[in-house]
Amino acid sequence: MSNLKPVIYKDGSDFFEKLENKFKRHEKGLFILTPSGAGKTYYCKNQKERNWIDGDELYFETNAEPPVETEWWNHGYQVINRVEQRCDVITAEVVDRGFWIMGSINYWLKPNAIVLPPINVLMDRVKNRENNEYVGGLKEEHIDQMIQHMGIIRDWLVKYGVPEYKSIEEAVEALTSS
């Protein structure tokens, strides 16, 4: 038994109406999977047009992801797997409704693309985030967990042929230029 806040399914019409007022809805939804520290929060905050949603925002708002203060990622695989599955449900609903989302939490939902920056770039970003605007995610001290997570993300390429990119900008360009 974990100490995760219990969640239930309910009508999400109001939630999606608010989401549509904040972000552009597209004909086809997209999901980019990145490791913690890859720059998704920075990208989403600084985009000119509100196309991409930072998954963490939605996961917190829907209670799929516990608050950062709980450091849920340090509570073992049972907790990690439950949080990841809850977040996948939210991601699937959002993508199904034509929104574009970037996230680093994933269990079973196949992404449209994965972003795996070189480890030195990723570590520089993590250090910068830690020293400036820490809003959650793995820290420099979690490098082993980060490398393991990158391997899990890479499995989407190896096992299912999901395209891999070195940067969020590359992935966005590849998925949206047509």
Protein backbone atom coordinates (compact mmCIF):
# COMPACT_ATOMS: atom_id res chain seq x y z
CA MET A 1 0.00 0.00 0.00
CA SER A 2 1.37 3.40 -0.92
CA ASN A 3 0.63 6.80 0.51
CA LEU A 4 -0.52 8.24 -2.83
CA LYS A 5 -3.60 10.42 -2.73
CA PRO A 6 -6.52 8.34 -4.09
CA VAL A 7 -8.01 9.42 -7.40
CA ILE A 8 -11.29 8.70 -9.17
CA TYR A 9 -12.53 9.12 -12.69
CA LYS A 10 -15.05 11.85 -13.29
CA ASP A 11 -16.47 13.91 -16.15
CA GLY A 12 -13.61 16.03 -17.48
CA SER A 13 -15.64 18.36 -19.71
CA ASP A 14 -14.90 21.47 -17.61
CA PHE A 15 -11.21 20.59 -17.45
CA PHE A 16 -10.95 20.26 -21.24
CA GLU A 17 -12.95 23.43 -21.83
CA LYS A 18 -10.42 25.35 -19.70
CA LEU A 19 -7.56 23.60 -21.48
CA GLU A 20 -8.92 24.66 -24.86
CA ASN A 21 -9.03 28.27 -23.66
CA LYS A 22 -5.31 28.09 -22.75
CA PHE A 23 -3.85 25.94 -25.53
CA LYS A 24 -4.41 25.39 -29.22
CA ARG A 25 -6.34 22.24 -30.10
CA HIS A 26 -5.15 20.46 -33.23
CA GLU A 27 -6.61 17.96 -35.66
CA LYS A 28 -4.25 15.31 -34.28
CA GLY A 29 -2.85 15.11 -30.75
CA LEU A 30 0.87 14.47 -30.15
CA PHE A 31 2.99 13.22 -27.26
CA ILE A 32 6.75 13.77 -26.91
CA LEU A 33 8.48 11.78 -24.16
CA THR A 34 11.63 13.27 -22.60
CA PRO A 35 13.76 12.55 -19.55
CA SER A 36 13.62 14.91 -16.60
CA GLY A 37 15.74 17.97 -17.37
CA ALA A 38 15.48 17.84 -21.17
CA GLY A 39 13.96 21.33 -21.33
CA LYS A 40 10.24 20.69 -21.75
CA THR A 41 9.19 23.21 -19.09
CA TYR A 42 11.48 25.87 -20.57
CA TYR A 43 10.24 25.14 -24.10
CA CYS A 44 6.57 25.25 -23.12
CA LYS A 45 6.96 28.48 -21.12
CA ASN A 46 8.80 30.21 -23.98
CA GLN A 47 6.87 29.09 -27.05
CA LYS A 48 5.39 31.90 -29.15
CA GLU A 49 2.09 30.11 -29.79
CA ARG A 50 0.44 28.02 -27.05
CA ASN A 51 0.71 24.69 -28.88
CA TRP A 52 2.62 22.49 -26.43
CA ILE A 53 1.53 21.64 -22.91
CA ASP A 54 4.02 20.74 -20.18
CA GLY A 55 2.68 17.43 -18.92
CA ASP A 56 3.63 18.18 -15.33
CA GLU A 57 1.12 21.05 -15.25
CA LEU A 58 -1.71 18.70 -16.19
CA TYR A 59 -0.53 15.86 -14.00
CA PHE A 60 -0.45 18.13 -10.94
CA GLU A 61 -3.77 19.77 -11.78
CA THR A 62 -5.52 16.40 -12.15
CA ASN A 63 -3.76 14.89 -9.11
CA ALA A 64 -2.27 12.15 -11.28
CA GLU A 65 1.19 13.30 -10.13
CA PRO A 66 1.69 13.97 -6.42
CA PRO A 67 3.20 17.30 -5.31
CA VAL A 68 6.96 17.71 -5.85
CA GLU A 69 7.50 17.98 -2.09
CA THR A 70 6.56 14.31 -1.69
CA GLU A 71 9.54 13.26 -3.88
CA TRP A 72 7.37 10.36 -5.06
CA TRP A 73 10.16 9.18 -7.42
CA ASN A 74 12.16 8.16 -4.33
CA HIS A 75 9.46 5.83 -2.97
CA GLY A 76 10.20 2.70 -4.99
CA TYR A 77 8.91 1.15 -8.18
CA GLN A 78 5.41 0.40 -6.90
CA VAL A 79 4.76 4.12 -6.36
CA ILE A 80 6.62 5.18 -9.52
CA ASN A 81 4.64 2.71 -11.66
CA ARG A 82 1.30 3.81 -10.21
CA VAL A 83 2.07 7.49 -10.80
CA GLU A 84 3.25 6.76 -14.35
CA GLN A 85 0.08 4.83 -15.16
CA ARG A 86 -2.13 7.60 -13.77
CA CYS A 87 -0.26 10.16 -15.87
CA ASP A 88 -0.59 7.97 -18.98
CA VAL A 89 -4.38 8.09 -18.60
CA ILE A 90 -4.28 11.91 -18.53
CA THR A 91 -1.86 12.06 -21.49
CA ALA A 92 -4.04 9.68 -23.52
CA GLU A 93 -7.16 11.79 -22.89
CA VAL A 94 -5.34 15.00 -23.79
CA VAL A 95 -3.82 13.57 -27.00
CA ASP A 96 -7.16 12.01 -27.97
CA ARG A 97 -8.69 15.49 -27.89
CA GLY A 98 -6.09 16.99 -30.22
CA PHE A 99 -3.66 18.61 -27.80
CA TRP A 100 0.13 18.44 -27.98
CA ILE A 101 1.90 17.44 -24.78
CA MET A 102 5.47 16.90 -23.59
CA GLY A 103 6.14 14.76 -20.57
CA SER A 104 8.76 12.75 -18.76
CA ILE A 105 6.29 10.42 -17.04
CA ASN A 106 5.24 7.36 -19.00
CA TYR A 107 4.39 3.70 -18.42
CA TRP A 108 2.37 2.18 -21.29
CA LEU A 109 1.33 4.99 -23.66
CA LYS A 110 3.32 4.99 -26.91
CA PRO A 111 4.76 8.45 -27.63
CA ASN A 112 4.98 10.01 -31.10
CA ALA A 113 8.65 10.87 -30.48
CA ILE A 114 11.30 10.59 -27.80
CA VAL A 115 13.93 13.19 -26.97
CA LEU A 116 17.24 12.00 -25.53
CA PRO A 117 19.78 14.80 -25.28
CA PRO A 118 23.44 13.83 -24.80
CA ILE A 119 24.03 13.08 -21.11
CA ASN A 120 26.43 16.02 -20.68
CA VAL A 121 23.79 18.44 -22.05
CA LEU A 122 21.14 16.90 -19.83
CA MET A 123 23.34 17.15 -16.72
CA ASP A 124 24.17 20.80 -17.45
CA ARG A 125 20.44 21.57 -17.68
CA VAL A 126 19.69 19.67 -14.47
CA LYS A 127 22.43 21.58 -12.61
CA ASN A 128 21.14 24.88 -13.99
CA ARG A 129 17.58 24.03 -12.97
CA GLU A 130 18.71 23.02 -9.49
CA ASN A 131 20.68 26.23 -8.98
CA ASN A 132 18.10 28.63 -10.42
CA GLU A 133 14.44 27.66 -10.75
CA TYR A 134 13.92 24.20 -9.29
CA VAL A 135 10.31 23.19 -9.87
CA GLY A 136 10.73 19.44 -9.47
CA GLY A 137 12.29 16.52 -11.22
CA LEU A 138 15.46 14.56 -10.77
CA LYS A 139 18.52 16.31 -9.39
CA GLU A 140 22.22 15.87 -10.13
CA GLU A 141 22.48 13.38 -7.26
CA HIS A 142 20.03 11.11 -9.12
CA ILE A 143 22.26 10.58 -12.18
CA ASP A 144 21.98 6.78 -11.94
CA GLN A 145 18.19 6.98 -11.90
CA MET A 146 18.32 9.47 -14.80
CA ILE A 147 20.48 7.17 -16.92
CA GLN A 148 18.20 4.23 -16.13
CA HIS A 149 15.16 6.33 -17.13
CA MET A 150 16.84 7.27 -20.42
CA GLY A 151 17.29 3.55 -21.13
CA ILE A 152 13.59 2.95 -20.49
CA ILE A 153 12.73 5.83 -22.84
CA ARG A 154 15.12 4.47 -25.50
CA ASP A 155 13.18 1.16 -25.40
CA TRP A 156 10.38 2.96 -27.25
CA LEU A 157 12.80 3.31 -30.19
CA VAL A 158 14.30 -0.16 -29.93
CA LYS A 159 11.08 -2.11 -29.36
CA TYR A 160 8.50 0.00 -31.19
CA GLY A 161 10.36 2.22 -33.67
CA VAL A 162 9.41 5.54 -32.06
CA PRO A 163 11.66 8.21 -33.62
CA GLU A 164 14.42 9.61 -31.39
CA TYR A 165 15.68 13.20 -31.42
CA LYS A 166 18.50 14.97 -29.57
CA SER A 167 16.46 18.07 -28.74
CA ILE A 168 12.89 19.12 -28.18
CA GLU A 169 13.19 21.62 -31.04
CA GLU A 170 14.20 18.80 -33.44
CA ALA A 171 11.27 16.63 -32.35
CA VAL A 172 8.77 19.47 -32.61
CA GLU A 173 10.02 20.36 -36.12
CA ALA A 174 9.83 16.75 -37.29
CA LEU A 175 6.34 16.15 -35.91
CA THR A 176 4.75 19.42 -36.96
CA SER A 177 6.28 20.25 -40.35
CA SER A 178 3.96 18.95 -43.03
